[in-house]
Each structure stands twice: as structure tokens, then as C-alpha cells.
Amino acid sequence: MDHINNIPVQELRPGFFGKMIHGDKGTVSIWDIKQGSTLQTHQHVHEQITYILEGELQMNIGGEDYLLTAGCYHVIPSNVPHKAFAVTDVKVIDFFSPARDDYR
């Protein structure tokens, strides 16, 4: 057992501050994203489940636009292009499978 407060915060991209929890087969990322921050279009082999705790996150996933607000989630399949823009300050939980070794 551990506590989330013991995990160091990493700024992996400008405005994206995360805490990472790694298992053998998956990664949970807990993000504080600052208003106005942008994640450019990208894709990865990992399936991604994004859940919004607070705020508004504009996403384009596979060419479709979505405004994700508190309580919303989206499953992003493996290798589907996606991007994001923080309309407000946002708190997000992402789950990735397989584990994000690049986030270790």
C-alpha cells in the first residue's frame, strides 16, 4: 500500500502536471492541467480511458470533437489520433494499457 501524496509531480508537457501509478499491465495518470494548455495531435499503442474530475477539456479523437466536463469519460482505442485543449483548469484521471513505460 502507498499514498498518492508520496508520488512526485511531473510536468511531462507544458501545463500538464501528473502523478503516475504503474502496474505490470497498466498505468494510471492523475493530471492537473492548466487552463490554455494544449496537447498536440498524437497517437500511441496504449488504449486510453480519460475521466474528467473537474473542469472542461476540449478533445479531438479520431477526427471527432468532444467537450469533456466533470463526470465525462472517453475510451480512446489504440493508435487513434487525438489532441486536447484545457478550456479551464482541469483535473483528469487517465488509464493506459499496456503500461506507459515512457512515463516511468
PDB file of N, CA and C in Angstrom:
ATOM      1  N   MET A   1       0.840  -1.179   0.000  1.00  0.00           N
ATOM      2  CA  MET A   1       0.000   0.000   0.000  1.00  0.00           C
ATOM      3  C   MET A   1       0.886   1.244   0.000  1.00  0.00           C
ATOM      4  N   ASP A   2       0.408   2.283  -0.630  1.00  0.00           N
ATOM      5  CA  ASP A   2       1.108   3.562  -0.667  1.00  0.00           C
ATOM      6  C   ASP A   2       0.052   4.660  -0.638  1.00  0.00           C
ATOM      7  N   HIS A   3       0.493   5.903  -0.685  1.00  0.00           N
ATOM      8  CA  HIS A   3      -0.422   7.044  -0.663  1.00  0.00           C
ATOM      9  C   HIS A   3      -0.078   7.974  -1.819  1.00  0.00           C
ATOM     10  N   ILE A   4      -1.097   8.541  -2.441  1.00  0.00           N
ATOM     11  CA  ILE A   4      -0.907   9.416  -3.602  1.00  0.00           C
ATOM     12  C   ILE A   4       0.005  10.596  -3.278  1.00  0.00           C
ATOM     13  N   ASN A   5      -0.008  11.047  -2.035  1.00  0.00           N
ATOM     14  CA  ASN A   5       0.850  12.184  -1.644  1.00  0.00           C
ATOM     15  C   ASN A   5       2.334  11.842  -1.705  1.00  0.00           C
ATOM     16  N   ASN A   6       2.676  10.559  -1.746  1.00  0.00           N
ATOM     17  CA  ASN A   6       4.078  10.140  -1.819  1.00  0.00           C
ATOM     18  C   ASN A   6       4.607  10.078  -3.250  1.00  0.00           C
ATOM     19  N   ILE A   7       3.744  10.309  -4.231  1.00  0.00           N
ATOM     20  CA  ILE A   7       4.161  10.254  -5.635  1.00  0.00           C
ATOM     21  C   ILE A   7       4.567  11.657  -6.076  1.00  0.00           C
ATOM     22  N   PRO A   8       5.776  11.812  -6.624  1.00  0.00           N
ATOM     23  CA  PRO A   8       6.191  13.152  -7.072  1.00  0.00           C
ATOM     24  C   PRO A   8       5.404  13.601  -8.300  1.00  0.00           C
ATOM     25  N   VAL A   9       5.171  14.900  -8.392  1.00  0.00           N
ATOM     26  CA  VAL A   9       4.504  15.504  -9.549  1.00  0.00           C
ATOM     27  C   VAL A   9       5.537  15.677 -10.655  1.00  0.00           C
ATOM     28  N   GLN A  10       5.145  15.310 -11.882  1.00  0.00           N
ATOM     29  CA  GLN A  10       5.995  15.501 -13.053  1.00  0.00           C
ATOM     30  C   GLN A  10       5.269  16.422 -14.035  1.00  0.00           C
ATOM     31  N   GLU A  11       5.987  17.401 -14.577  1.00  0.00           N
ATOM     32  CA  GLU A  11       5.419  18.210 -15.661  1.00  0.00           C
ATOM     33  C   GLU A  11       5.927  17.602 -16.960  1.00  0.00           C
ATOM     34  N   LEU A  12       5.120  16.710 -17.547  1.00  0.00           N
ATOM     35  CA  LEU A  12       5.558  15.963 -18.735  1.00  0.00           C
ATOM     36  C   LEU A  12       5.440  16.782 -20.006  1.00  0.00           C
ATOM     37  N   ARG A  13       4.542  17.757 -20.001  1.00  0.00           N
ATOM     38  CA  ARG A  13       4.381  18.708 -21.101  1.00  0.00           C
ATOM     39  C   ARG A  13       4.032  20.038 -20.456  1.00  0.00           C
ATOM     40  N   PRO A  14       4.280  21.153 -21.126  1.00  0.00           N
ATOM     41  CA  PRO A  14       3.945  22.441 -20.511  1.00  0.00           C
ATOM     42  C   PRO A  14       2.481  22.500 -20.081  1.00  0.00           C
ATOM     43  N   GLY A  15       2.260  22.761 -18.795  1.00  0.00           N
ATOM     44  CA  GLY A  15       0.907  22.888 -18.259  1.00  0.00           C
ATOM     45  C   GLY A  15       0.266  21.581 -17.844  1.00  0.00           C
ATOM     46  N   PHE A  16       0.928  20.447 -18.050  1.00  0.00           N
ATOM     47  CA  PHE A  16       0.391  19.126 -17.708  1.00  0.00           C
ATOM     48  C   PHE A  16       1.203  18.560 -16.546  1.00  0.00           C
ATOM     49  N   PHE A  17       0.607  18.588 -15.349  1.00  0.00           N
ATOM     50  CA  PHE A  17       1.275  18.135 -14.130  1.00  0.00           C
ATOM     51  C   PHE A  17       0.634  16.830 -13.687  1.00  0.00           C
ATOM     52  N   GLY A  18       1.423  15.744 -13.655  1.00  0.00           N
ATOM     53  CA  GLY A  18       0.855  14.437 -13.385  1.00  0.00           C
ATOM     54  C   GLY A  18       1.558  13.648 -12.311  1.00  0.00           C
ATOM     55  N   LYS A  19       0.795  12.728 -11.723  1.00  0.00           N
ATOM     56  CA  LYS A  19       1.307  11.708 -10.812  1.00  0.00           C
ATOM     57  C   LYS A  19       0.988  10.370 -11.466  1.00  0.00           C
ATOM     58  N   MET A  20       1.989   9.484 -11.532  1.00  0.00           N
ATOM     59  CA  MET A  20       1.836   8.226 -12.250  1.00  0.00           C
ATOM     60  C   MET A  20       1.870   7.037 -11.289  1.00  0.00           C
ATOM     61  N   ILE A  21       0.932   6.120 -11.506  1.00  0.00           N
ATOM     62  CA  ILE A  21       0.887   4.873 -10.754  1.00  0.00           C
ATOM     63  C   ILE A  21       1.023   3.753 -11.780  1.00  0.00           C
ATOM     64  N   HIS A  22       2.062   2.933 -11.635  1.00  0.00           N
ATOM     65  CA  HIS A  22       2.355   1.897 -12.624  1.00  0.00           C
ATOM     66  C   HIS A  22       2.116   0.502 -12.061  1.00  0.00           C
ATOM     67  N   GLY A  23       1.452  -0.313 -12.862  1.00  0.00           N
ATOM     68  CA  GLY A  23       1.367  -1.743 -12.612  1.00  0.00           C
ATOM     69  C   GLY A  23       2.115  -2.450 -13.727  1.00  0.00           C
ATOM     70  N   ASP A  24       2.073  -3.759 -13.729  1.00  0.00           N
ATOM     71  CA  ASP A  24       2.735  -4.516 -14.787  1.00  0.00           C
ATOM     72  C   ASP A  24       2.054  -4.322 -16.130  1.00  0.00           C
ATOM     73  N   LYS A  25       0.723  -4.158 -16.134  1.00  0.00           N
ATOM     74  CA  LYS A  25      -0.035  -4.125 -17.385  1.00  0.00           C
ATOM     75  C   LYS A  25      -0.765  -2.819 -17.641  1.00  0.00           C
ATOM     76  N   GLY A  26      -0.635  -1.844 -16.740  1.00  0.00           N
ATOM     77  CA  GLY A  26      -1.342  -0.587 -16.934  1.00  0.00           C
ATOM     78  C   GLY A  26      -0.730   0.545 -16.136  1.00  0.00           C
ATOM     79  N   THR A  27      -1.102   1.765 -16.523  1.00  0.00           N
ATOM     80  CA  THR A  27      -0.668   2.979 -15.836  1.00  0.00           C
ATOM     81  C   THR A  27      -1.877   3.865 -15.590  1.00  0.00           C
ATOM     82  N   VAL A  28      -1.971   4.396 -14.370  1.00  0.00           N
ATOM     83  CA  VAL A  28      -2.967   5.409 -14.027  1.00  0.00           C
ATOM     84  C   VAL A  28      -2.218   6.728 -13.888  1.00  0.00           C
ATOM     85  N   SER A  29      -2.706   7.755 -14.576  1.00  0.00           N
ATOM     86  CA  SER A  29      -2.126   9.090 -14.501  1.00  0.00           C
ATOM     87  C   SER A  29      -3.180  10.025 -13.936  1.00  0.00           C
ATOM     88  N   ILE A  30      -2.800  10.798 -12.931  1.00  0.00           N
ATOM     89  CA  ILE A  30      -3.683  11.780 -12.317  1.00  0.00           C
ATOM     90  C   ILE A  30      -3.110  13.141 -12.675  1.00  0.00           C
ATOM     91  N   TRP A  31      -3.858  13.912 -13.449  1.00  0.00           N
ATOM     92  CA  TRP A  31      -3.369  15.161 -14.042  1.00  0.00           C
ATOM     93  C   TRP A  31      -4.052  16.387 -13.468  1.00  0.00           C
ATOM     94  N   ASP A  32      -3.262  17.426 -13.263  1.00  0.00           N
ATOM     95  CA  ASP A  32      -3.751  18.793 -13.107  1.00  0.00           C
ATOM     96  C   ASP A  32      -3.265  19.513 -14.350  1.00  0.00           C
ATOM     97  N   ILE A  33      -4.209  19.956 -15.169  1.00  0.00           N
ATOM     98  CA  ILE A  33      -3.870  20.608 -16.435  1.00  0.00           C
ATOM     99  C   ILE A  33      -4.287  22.069 -16.330  1.00  0.00           C
ATOM    100  N   LYS A  34      -3.364  22.957 -16.621  1.00  0.00           N
ATOM    101  CA  LYS A  34      -3.622  24.387 -16.510  1.00  0.00           C
ATOM    102  C   LYS A  34      -4.409  24.905 -17.710  1.00  0.00           C
ATOM    103  N   GLN A  35      -5.329  25.818 -17.447  1.00  0.00           N
ATOM    104  CA  GLN A  35      -6.149  26.430 -18.491  1.00  0.00           C
ATOM    105  C   GLN A  35      -5.268  26.932 -19.627  1.00  0.00           C
ATOM    106  N   GLY A  36      -5.689  26.650 -20.866  1.00  0.00           N
ATOM    107  CA  GLY A  36      -4.969  27.100 -22.052  1.00  0.00           C
ATOM    108  C   GLY A  36      -3.890  26.144 -22.527  1.00  0.00           C
ATOM    109  N   SER A  37      -3.615  25.088 -21.753  1.00  0.00           N
ATOM    110  CA  SER A  37      -2.582  24.128 -22.161  1.00  0.00           C
ATOM    111  C   SER A  37      -3.093  23.263 -23.307  1.00  0.00           C
ATOM    112  N   THR A  38      -2.176  22.922 -24.214  1.00  0.00           N
ATOM    113  CA  THR A  38      -2.522  22.167 -25.412  1.00  0.00           C
ATOM    114  C   THR A  38      -1.668  20.910 -25.513  1.00  0.00           C
ATOM    115  N   LEU A  39      -2.304  19.832 -25.880  1.00  0.00           N
ATOM    116  CA  LEU A  39      -1.618  18.587 -26.209  1.00  0.00           C
ATOM    117  C   LEU A  39      -1.829  18.361 -27.700  1.00  0.00           C
ATOM    118  N   GLN A  40      -0.758  18.432 -28.464  1.00  0.00           N
ATOM    119  CA  GLN A  40      -0.839  18.315 -29.922  1.00  0.00           C
ATOM    120  C   GLN A  40      -1.300  16.913 -30.334  1.00  0.00           C
ATOM    121  N   THR A  41      -1.750  16.790 -31.570  1.00  0.00           N
ATOM    122  CA  THR A  41      -2.209  15.504 -32.099  1.00  0.00           C
ATOM    123  C   THR A  41      -1.106  14.470 -31.986  1.00  0.00           C
ATOM    124  N   HIS A  42      -1.478  13.320 -31.450  1.00  0.00           N
ATOM    125  CA  HIS A  42      -0.543  12.206 -31.277  1.00  0.00           C
ATOM    126  C   HIS A  42      -1.349  10.913 -31.219  1.00  0.00           C
ATOM    127  N   GLN A  43      -0.651   9.821 -31.239  1.00  0.00           N
ATOM    128  CA  GLN A  43      -1.283   8.511 -31.070  1.00  0.00           C
ATOM    129  C   GLN A  43      -0.258   7.578 -30.464  1.00  0.00           C
ATOM    130  N   HIS A  44      -0.740   6.514 -29.860  1.00  0.00           N
ATOM    131  CA  HIS A  44       0.150   5.555 -29.201  1.00  0.00           C
ATOM    132  C   HIS A  44      -0.521   4.190 -29.183  1.00  0.00           C
ATOM    133  N   VAL A  45       0.259   3.174 -28.909  1.00  0.00           N
ATOM    134  CA  VAL A  45      -0.267   1.805 -28.900  1.00  0.00           C
ATOM    135  C   VAL A  45      -1.177   1.554 -27.714  1.00  0.00           C
ATOM    136  N   HIS A  46      -1.119   2.415 -26.716  1.00  0.00           N
ATOM    137  CA  HIS A  46      -1.893   2.211 -25.497  1.00  0.00           C
ATOM    138  C   HIS A  46      -3.367   2.557 -25.705  1.00  0.00           C
ATOM    139  N   GLU A  47      -4.263   1.677 -25.247  1.00  0.00           N
ATOM    140  CA  GLU A  47      -5.656   2.081 -25.088  1.00  0.00           C
ATOM    141  C   GLU A  47      -5.674   3.085 -23.939  1.00  0.00           C
ATOM    142  N   GLN A  48      -6.486   4.130 -24.041  1.00  0.00           N
ATOM    143  CA  GLN A  48      -6.529   5.179 -23.026  1.00  0.00           C
ATOM    144  C   GLN A  48      -7.965   5.431 -22.623  1.00  0.00           C
ATOM    145  N   ILE A  49      -8.210   5.462 -21.325  1.00  0.00           N
ATOM    146  CA  ILE A  49      -9.516   5.857 -20.807  1.00  0.00           C
ATOM    147  C   ILE A  49      -9.306   7.152 -20.045  1.00  0.00           C
ATOM    148  N   THR A  50      -9.969   8.210 -20.481  1.00  0.00           N
ATOM    149  CA  THR A  50      -9.843   9.531 -19.868  1.00  0.00           C
ATOM    150  C   THR A  50     -11.129   9.845 -19.113  1.00  0.00           C
ATOM    151  N   TYR A  51     -10.984  10.217 -17.834  1.00  0.00           N
ATOM    152  CA  TYR A  51     -12.122  10.562 -16.976  1.00  0.00           C
ATOM    153  C   TYR A  51     -11.888  11.958 -16.392  1.00  0.00           C
ATOM    154  N   ILE A  52     -12.864  12.848 -16.542  1.00  0.00           N
ATOM    155  CA  ILE A  52     -12.742  14.228 -16.096  1.00  0.00           C
ATOM    156  C   ILE A  52     -13.324  14.364 -14.682  1.00  0.00           C
ATOM    157  N   LEU A  53     -12.469  14.787 -13.743  1.00  0.00           N
ATOM    158  CA  LEU A  53     -12.913  15.041 -12.374  1.00  0.00           C
ATOM    159  C   LEU A  53     -13.464  16.448 -12.209  1.00  0.00           C
ATOM    160  N   GLU A  54     -12.763  17.432 -12.804  1.00  0.00           N
ATOM    161  CA  GLU A  54     -13.154  18.842 -12.700  1.00  0.00           C
ATOM    162  C   GLU A  54     -12.762  19.561 -13.982  1.00  0.00           C
ATOM    163  N   GLY A  55     -13.539  20.572 -14.353  1.00  0.00           N
ATOM    164  CA  GLY A  55     -13.168  21.439 -15.466  1.00  0.00           C
ATOM    165  C   GLY A  55     -13.700  20.980 -16.807  1.00  0.00           C
ATOM    166  N   GLU A  56     -13.145  21.609 -17.863  1.00  0.00           N
ATOM    167  CA  GLU A  56     -13.578  21.335 -19.237  1.00  0.00           C
ATOM    168  C   GLU A  56     -12.362  21.095 -20.111  1.00  0.00           C
ATOM    169  N   LEU A  57     -12.375  19.975 -20.805  1.00  0.00           N
ATOM    170  CA  LEU A  57     -11.288  19.592 -21.702  1.00  0.00           C
ATOM    171  C   LEU A  57     -11.857  19.373 -23.094  1.00  0.00           C
ATOM    172  N   GLN A  58     -11.427  20.185 -24.057  1.00  0.00           N
ATOM    173  CA  GLN A  58     -11.825  20.025 -25.459  1.00  0.00           C
ATOM    174  C   GLN A  58     -10.887  18.996 -26.072  1.00  0.00           C
ATOM    175  N   MET A  59     -11.453  17.949 -26.658  1.00  0.00           N
ATOM    176  CA  MET A  59     -10.633  16.915 -27.288  1.00  0.00           C
ATOM    177  C   MET A  59     -11.103  16.666 -28.712  1.00  0.00           C
ATOM    178  N   ASN A  60     -10.163  16.306 -29.559  1.00  0.00           N
ATOM    179  CA  ASN A  60     -10.471  15.782 -30.878  1.00  0.00           C
ATOM    180  C   ASN A  60      -9.922  14.370 -30.879  1.00  0.00           C
ATOM    181  N   ILE A  61     -10.808  13.408 -31.074  1.00  0.00           N
ATOM    182  CA  ILE A  61     -10.444  11.990 -31.004  1.00  0.00           C
ATOM    183  C   ILE A  61     -10.899  11.339 -32.296  1.00  0.00           C
ATOM    184  N   GLY A  62      -9.945  10.874 -33.076  1.00  0.00           N
ATOM    185  CA  GLY A  62     -10.288  10.229 -34.335  1.00  0.00           C
ATOM    186  C   GLY A  62     -11.041  11.136 -35.283  1.00  0.00           C
ATOM    187  N   GLY A  63     -10.771  12.450 -35.220  1.00  0.00           N
ATOM    188  CA  GLY A  63     -11.414  13.407 -36.118  1.00  0.00           C
ATOM    189  C   GLY A  63     -12.729  13.960 -35.605  1.00  0.00           C
ATOM    190  N   GLU A  64     -13.213  13.505 -34.454  1.00  0.00           N
ATOM    191  CA  GLU A  64     -14.461  13.994 -33.858  1.00  0.00           C
ATOM    192  C   GLU A  64     -14.140  14.906 -32.679  1.00  0.00           C
ATOM    193  N   ASP A  65     -14.868  16.029 -32.559  1.00  0.00           N
ATOM    194  CA  ASP A  65     -14.681  16.956 -31.452  1.00  0.00           C
ATOM    195  C   ASP A  65     -15.595  16.603 -30.292  1.00  0.00           C
ATOM    196  N   TYR A  66     -15.037  16.712 -29.075  1.00  0.00           N
ATOM    197  CA  TYR A  66     -15.776  16.434 -27.844  1.00  0.00           C
ATOM    198  C   TYR A  66     -15.418  17.493 -26.807  1.00  0.00           C
ATOM    199  N   LEU A  67     -16.403  17.940 -26.037  1.00  0.00           N
ATOM    200  CA  LEU A  67     -16.148  18.762 -24.872  1.00  0.00           C
ATOM    201  C   LEU A  67     -16.428  17.884 -23.660  1.00  0.00           C
ATOM    202  N   LEU A  68     -15.362  17.499 -22.971  1.00  0.00           N
ATOM    203  CA  LEU A  68     -15.492  16.635 -21.804  1.00  0.00           C
ATOM    204  C   LEU A  68     -15.546  17.511 -20.553  1.00  0.00           C
ATOM    205  N   THR A  69     -16.565  17.296 -19.729  1.00  0.00           N
ATOM    206  CA  THR A  69     -16.758  18.050 -18.491  1.00  0.00           C
ATOM    207  C   THR A  69     -16.799  17.066 -17.325  1.00  0.00           C
ATOM    208  N   ALA A  70     -16.845  17.595 -16.111  1.00  0.00           N
ATOM    209  CA  ALA A  70     -16.815  16.751 -14.916  1.00  0.00           C
ATOM    210  C   ALA A  70     -17.810  15.599 -15.017  1.00  0.00           C
ATOM    211  N   GLY A  71     -17.324  14.395 -14.795  1.00  0.00           N
ATOM    212  CA  GLY A  71     -18.149  13.192 -14.869  1.00  0.00           C
ATOM    213  C   GLY A  71     -18.090  12.490 -16.207  1.00  0.00           C
ATOM    214  N   CYS A  72     -17.589  13.152 -17.245  1.00  0.00           N
ATOM    215  CA  CYS A  72     -17.489  12.545 -18.575  1.00  0.00           C
ATOM    216  C   CYS A  72     -16.234  11.673 -18.673  1.00  0.00           C
ATOM    217  N   TYR A  73     -16.332  10.650 -19.498  1.00  0.00           N
ATOM    218  CA  TYR A  73     -15.156   9.841 -19.819  1.00  0.00           C
ATOM    219  C   TYR A  73     -15.193   9.484 -21.290  1.00  0.00           C
ATOM    220  N   HIS A  74     -14.044   9.078 -21.809  1.00  0.00           N
ATOM    221  CA  HIS A  74     -13.956   8.641 -23.196  1.00  0.00           C
ATOM    222  C   HIS A  74     -12.908   7.540 -23.284  1.00  0.00           C
ATOM    223  N   VAL A  75     -13.230   6.498 -24.029  1.00  0.00           N
ATOM    224  CA  VAL A  75     -12.280   5.419 -24.295  1.00  0.00           C
ATOM    225  C   VAL A  75     -11.639   5.701 -25.647  1.00  0.00           C
ATOM    226  N   ILE A  76     -10.327   5.833 -25.648  1.00  0.00           N
ATOM    227  CA  ILE A  76      -9.581   6.108 -26.876  1.00  0.00           C
ATOM    228  C   ILE A  76      -8.862   4.823 -27.266  1.00  0.00           C
ATOM    229  N   PRO A  77      -9.271   4.191 -28.364  1.00  0.00           N
ATOM    230  CA  PRO A  77      -8.632   2.943 -28.764  1.00  0.00           C
ATOM    231  C   PRO A  77      -7.161   3.125 -29.136  1.00  0.00           C
ATOM    232  N   SER A  78      -6.456   2.051 -29.143  1.00  0.00           N
ATOM    233  CA  SER A  78      -5.051   2.022 -29.541  1.00  0.00           C
ATOM    234  C   SER A  78      -4.872   2.644 -30.921  1.00  0.00           C
ATOM    235  N   ASN A  79      -3.839   3.476 -31.058  1.00  0.00           N
ATOM    236  CA  ASN A  79      -3.409   4.081 -32.328  1.00  0.00           C
ATOM    237  C   ASN A  79      -4.399   5.063 -32.955  1.00  0.00           C
ATOM    238  N   VAL A  80      -5.387   5.551 -32.203  1.00  0.00           N
ATOM    239  CA  VAL A  80      -6.309   6.554 -32.721  1.00  0.00           C
ATOM    240  C   VAL A  80      -5.729   7.946 -32.434  1.00  0.00           C
ATOM    241  N   PRO A  81      -5.560   8.797 -33.456  1.00  0.00           N
ATOM    242  CA  PRO A  81      -5.036  10.143 -33.229  1.00  0.00           C
ATOM    243  C   PRO A  81      -5.978  10.957 -32.336  1.00  0.00           C
ATOM    244  N   HIS A  82      -5.376  11.727 -31.422  1.00  0.00           N
ATOM    245  CA  HIS A  82      -6.168  12.582 -30.535  1.00  0.00           C
ATOM    246  C   HIS A  82      -5.334  13.757 -30.061  1.00  0.00           C
ATOM    247  N   LYS A  83      -6.049  14.824 -29.661  1.00  0.00           N
ATOM    248  CA  LYS A  83      -5.400  16.015 -29.121  1.00  0.00           C
ATOM    249  C   LYS A  83      -6.341  16.620 -28.087  1.00  0.00           C
ATOM    250  N   ALA A  84      -5.800  17.567 -27.278  1.00  0.00           N
ATOM    251  CA  ALA A  84      -6.605  18.144 -26.205  1.00  0.00           C
ATOM    252  C   ALA A  84      -6.235  19.598 -25.976  1.00  0.00           C
ATOM    253  N   PHE A  85      -7.230  20.357 -25.471  1.00  0.00           N
ATOM    254  CA  PHE A  85      -7.041  21.747 -25.078  1.00  0.00           C
ATOM    255  C   PHE A  85      -7.827  21.982 -23.791  1.00  0.00           C
ATOM    256  N   ALA A  86      -7.153  22.528 -22.772  1.00  0.00           N
ATOM    257  CA  ALA A  86      -7.799  22.791 -21.491  1.00  0.00           C
ATOM    258  C   ALA A  86      -8.551  24.117 -21.559  1.00  0.00           C
ATOM    259  N   VAL A  87      -9.873  24.035 -21.642  1.00  0.00           N
ATOM    260  CA  VAL A  87     -10.718  25.231 -21.684  1.00  0.00           C
ATOM    261  C   VAL A  87     -10.645  25.951 -20.337  1.00  0.00           C
ATOM    262  N   THR A  88     -10.588  25.169 -19.250  1.00  0.00           N
ATOM    263  CA  THR A  88     -10.430  25.676 -17.882  1.00  0.00           C
ATOM    264  C   THR A  88      -9.288  24.879 -17.247  1.00  0.00           C
ATOM    265  N   ASP A  89      -8.952  25.189 -16.002  1.00  0.00           N
ATOM    266  CA  ASP A  89      -8.111  24.263 -15.254  1.00  0.00           C
ATOM    267  C   ASP A  89      -8.877  22.951 -15.174  1.00  0.00           C
ATOM    268  N   VAL A  90      -8.167  21.832 -15.346  1.00  0.00           N
ATOM    269  CA  VAL A  90      -8.822  20.528 -15.432  1.00  0.00           C
ATOM    270  C   VAL A  90      -8.102  19.530 -14.531  1.00  0.00           C
ATOM    271  N   LYS A  91      -8.883  18.674 -13.883  1.00  0.00           N
ATOM    272  CA  LYS A  91      -8.344  17.516 -13.171  1.00  0.00           C
ATOM    273  C   LYS A  91      -8.842  16.278 -13.895  1.00  0.00           C
ATOM    274  N   VAL A  92      -7.905  15.407 -14.271  1.00  0.00           N
ATOM    275  CA  VAL A  92      -8.199  14.260 -15.140  1.00  0.00           C
ATOM    276  C   VAL A  92      -7.530  13.016 -14.575  1.00  0.00           C
ATOM    277  N   ILE A  93      -8.207  11.884 -14.718  1.00  0.00           N
ATOM    278  CA  ILE A  93      -7.580  10.584 -14.496  1.00  0.00           C
ATOM    279  C   ILE A  93      -7.537   9.881 -15.838  1.00  0.00           C
ATOM    280  N   ASP A  94      -6.342   9.422 -16.227  1.00  0.00           N
ATOM    281  CA  ASP A  94      -6.170   8.607 -17.432  1.00  0.00           C
ATOM    282  C   ASP A  94      -5.717   7.224 -17.016  1.00  0.00           C
ATOM    283  N   PHE A  95      -6.268   6.223 -17.676  1.00  0.00           N
ATOM    284  CA  PHE A  95      -5.780   4.854 -17.518  1.00  0.00           C
ATOM    285  C   PHE A  95      -5.252   4.402 -18.868  1.00  0.00           C
ATOM    286  N   PHE A  96      -4.063   3.822 -18.882  1.00  0.00           N
ATOM    287  CA  PHE A  96      -3.431   3.334 -20.100  1.00  0.00           C
ATOM    288  C   PHE A  96      -3.133   1.845 -19.979  1.00  0.00           C
ATOM    289  N   SER A  97      -3.362   1.122 -21.060  1.00  0.00           N
ATOM    290  CA  SER A  97      -2.969  -0.278 -21.136  1.00  0.00           C
ATOM    291  C   SER A  97      -2.450  -0.549 -22.547  1.00  0.00           C
ATOM    292  N   PRO A  98      -1.267  -1.143 -22.686  1.00  0.00           N
ATOM    293  CA  PRO A  98      -0.363  -1.594 -21.620  1.00  0.00           C
ATOM    294  C   PRO A  98       0.236  -0.411 -20.856  1.00  0.00           C
ATOM    295  N   ALA A  99       1.030  -0.730 -19.831  1.00  0.00           N
ATOM    296  CA  ALA A  99       1.655   0.299 -19.005  1.00  0.00           C
ATOM    297  C   ALA A  99       2.466   1.271 -19.849  1.00  0.00           C
ATOM    298  N   ARG A 100       2.490   2.544 -19.436  1.00  0.00           N
ATOM    299  CA  ARG A 100       3.264   3.584 -20.122  1.00  0.00           C
ATOM    300  C   ARG A 100       4.686   3.589 -19.569  1.00  0.00           C
ATOM    301  N   ASP A 101       5.549   2.779 -20.138  1.00  0.00           N
ATOM    302  CA  ASP A 101       6.936   2.741 -19.683  1.00  0.00           C
ATOM    303  C   ASP A 101       7.624   4.080 -19.901  1.00  0.00           C
ATOM    304  N   ASP A 102       7.169   4.867 -20.894  1.00  0.00           N
ATOM    305  CA  ASP A 102       7.754   6.177 -21.124  1.00  0.00           C
ATOM    306  C   ASP A 102       7.397   7.173 -20.017  1.00  0.00           C
ATOM    307  N   TYR A 103       6.447   6.850 -19.158  1.00  0.00           N
ATOM    308  CA  TYR A 103       6.081   7.712 -18.034  1.00  0.00           C
ATOM    309  C   TYR A 103       6.763   7.291 -16.727  1.00  0.00           C
ATOM    310  N   ARG A 104       7.531   6.224 -16.748  1.00  0.00           N
ATOM    311  CA  ARG A 104       8.181   5.749 -15.508  1.00  0.00           C
ATOM    312  C   ARG A 104       9.303   6.654 -15.107  1.00  0.00           C
TER     313      ARG A 104
END
